[in-house]
C-alpha atoms as a PDB file:
ATOM      1  CA  MET A   1      -0.123  -0.105  -0.153  1.00  0.00           C
ATOM      2  CA  PRO A   2       1.403   3.556  -1.262  1.00  0.00           C
ATOM      3  CA  ARG A   3       2.444   5.632   2.233  1.00  0.00           C
ATOM      4  CA  LYS A   4       1.050   9.261   2.401  1.00  0.00           C
ATOM      5  CA  GLY A   5       1.405  12.730   3.896  1.00  0.00           C
ATOM      6  CA  LYS A   6       4.309  12.433   6.553  1.00  0.00           C
ATOM      7  CA  GLU A   7       5.371   9.091   6.116  1.00  0.00           C
ATOM      8  CA  THR A   8       6.347   9.606   2.570  1.00  0.00           C
ATOM      9  CA  ASN A   9       8.543  13.323   3.096  1.00  0.00           C
ATOM     10  CA  GLY A  10      10.258  11.865   6.111  1.00  0.00           C
ATOM     11  CA  GLY A  11       7.968  13.380   8.958  1.00  0.00           C
ATOM     12  CA  ARG A  12       7.578  16.738   7.351  1.00  0.00           C
ATOM     13  CA  VAL A  13       3.818  17.776   5.671  1.00  0.00           C
ATOM     14  CA  LEU A  14       4.417  19.295   2.500  1.00  0.00           C
ATOM     15  CA  ASP A  15       0.850  20.912   1.620  1.00  0.00           C
ATOM     16  CA  PHE A  16      -0.387  23.946   0.660  1.00  0.00           C
ATOM     17  CA  HIS A  17      -1.729  24.937   4.143  1.00  0.00           C
ATOM     18  CA  SER A  18       2.270  23.916   5.560  1.00  0.00           C
ATOM     19  CA  PHE A  19       3.542  26.281   2.783  1.00  0.00           C
ATOM     20  CA  ARG A  20       1.149  28.989   3.588  1.00  0.00           C
ATOM     21  CA  HIS A  21       1.935  28.800   7.167  1.00  0.00           C
ATOM     22  CA  THR A  22       5.602  29.348   6.305  1.00  0.00           C
ATOM     23  CA  TYR A  23       5.143  31.893   3.988  1.00  0.00           C
ATOM     24  CA  ILE A  24       2.726  34.107   5.877  1.00  0.00           C
ATOM     25  CA  SER A  25       5.342  33.870   9.282  1.00  0.00           C
ATOM     26  CA  ASN A  26       7.958  34.380   7.446  1.00  0.00           C
ATOM     27  CA  LEU A  27       6.387  37.478   6.279  1.00  0.00           C
ATOM     28  CA  GLU A  28       5.478  38.405   9.476  1.00  0.00           C
ATOM     29  CA  ARG A  29       9.331  37.871  10.577  1.00  0.00           C
ATOM     30  CA  ALA A  30      10.487  40.351   8.314  1.00  0.00           C
ATOM     31  CA  ASP A  31       8.452  43.207   9.254  1.00  0.00           C
ATOM     32  CA  VAL A  32       5.612  42.975   6.149  1.00  0.00           C
ATOM     33  CA  THR A  33       2.506  44.838   7.885  1.00  0.00           C
ATOM     34  CA  ASP A  34      -0.960  42.862   7.786  1.00  0.00           C
ATOM     35  CA  GLY A  35      -2.235  44.538   4.709  1.00  0.00           C
ATOM     36  CA  LEU A  36       0.476  43.842   2.647  1.00  0.00           C
ATOM     37  CA  ARG A  37       1.113  40.239   4.256  1.00  0.00           C
ATOM     38  CA  GLY A  38      -3.019  40.067   3.283  1.00  0.00           C
ATOM     39  CA  GLN A  39      -2.218  41.440  -0.458  1.00  0.00           C
ATOM     40  CA  LEU A  40       0.819  39.179  -0.930  1.00  0.00           C
ATOM     41  CA  SER A  41      -0.895  36.131   0.389  1.00  0.00           C
ATOM     42  CA  ARG A  42      -4.031  36.608  -1.281  1.00  0.00           C
ATOM     43  CA  ALA A  43      -5.714  36.336   1.920  1.00  0.00           C
ATOM     44  CA  THR A  44      -8.381  37.756   4.137  1.00  0.00           C
ATOM     45  CA  ALA A  45      -7.057  39.427   7.816  1.00  0.00           C
ATOM     46  CA  GLN A  46      -8.281  36.394   9.487  1.00  0.00           C
ATOM     47  CA  VAL A  47      -6.707  33.834   7.725  1.00  0.00           C
ATOM     48  CA  VAL A  48      -3.600  36.030   7.570  1.00  0.00           C
ATOM     49  CA  GLU A  49      -3.759  35.947  11.763  1.00  0.00           C
ATOM     50  CA  ARG A  50      -4.818  32.378  11.448  1.00  0.00           C
ATOM     51  CA  TYR A  51      -1.681  31.282   9.467  1.00  0.00           C
ATOM     52  CA  THR A  52       1.076  33.780  11.374  1.00  0.00           C
ATOM     53  CA  HIS A  53       3.362  31.995  14.192  1.00  0.00           C
ATOM     54  CA  ARG A  54       4.700  34.992  16.238  1.00  0.00           C
ATOM     55  CA  GLU A  55       5.825  32.273  18.754  1.00  0.00           C
ATOM     56  CA  LEU A  56       8.359  30.333  16.380  1.00  0.00           C
ATOM     57  CA  GLY A  57      10.885  33.874  15.456  1.00  0.00           C
ATOM     58  CA  ARG A  58      10.022  34.594  19.576  1.00  0.00           C
ATOM     59  CA  LEU A  59      11.294  30.800  20.580  1.00  0.00           C
ATOM     60  CA  ALA A  60      14.542  30.806  17.858  1.00  0.00           C
ATOM     61  CA  GLU A  61      15.636  33.776  19.751  1.00  0.00           C
ATOM     62  CA  VAL A  62      15.502  32.547  23.138  1.00  0.00           C
ATOM     63  CA  ALA A  63      16.853  29.261  21.931  1.00  0.00           C
ATOM     64  CA  GLN A  64      19.747  31.151  20.414  1.00  0.00           C
ATOM     65  CA  ARG A  65      20.711  32.735  23.824  1.00  0.00           C
ATOM     66  CA  LEU A  66      20.889  29.447  26.044  1.00  0.00           C
ATOM     67  CA  PRO A  67      24.180  28.467  27.157  1.00  0.00           C
ATOM     68  CA  THR A  68      26.058  25.462  24.682  1.00  0.00           C
ATOM     69  CA  PRO A  69      26.126  22.299  27.509  1.00  0.00           C
ATOM     70  CA  ASP A  70      30.238  21.321  27.434  1.00  0.00           C
ATOM     71  CA  LEU A  71      29.785  17.735  25.983  1.00  0.00           C
ATOM     72  CA  SER A  72      33.913  17.095  25.911  1.00  0.00           C
ATOM     73  CA  ALA A  73      32.985  14.677  29.247  1.00  0.00           C
ATOM     74  CA  LEU A  74      31.120  12.159  27.262  1.00  0.00           C
ATOM     75  CA  LYS A  75      34.263  11.643  24.399  1.00  0.00           C
ATOM     76  CA  LYS A  76      35.920   8.830  26.052  1.00  0.00           C
ATOM     77  CA  LYS A  77      39.802   7.844  25.172  1.00  0.00           C
ATOM     78  CA  PRO A  78      40.279   4.538  24.221  1.00  0.00           C
ATOM     79  CA  ALA A  79      41.681   2.594  26.486  1.00  0.00           C
END
């Protein structure tokens, strides 16, 4: 039986809606105004709001500020 959806794309969903979420969220991150985001995505204000994920940019900023753990102790030298 052929695989569909996430199974065929290495766990990723690649459809119209996922591309639209990415496109509109990237417009938000680029500081494009709400009105212009609506025009560029050919969507109503309600659709633009639904597809905009502001928290992703904030989460990325916070994650980049986390200290990098020292993993050198995990590297064991061969005996």
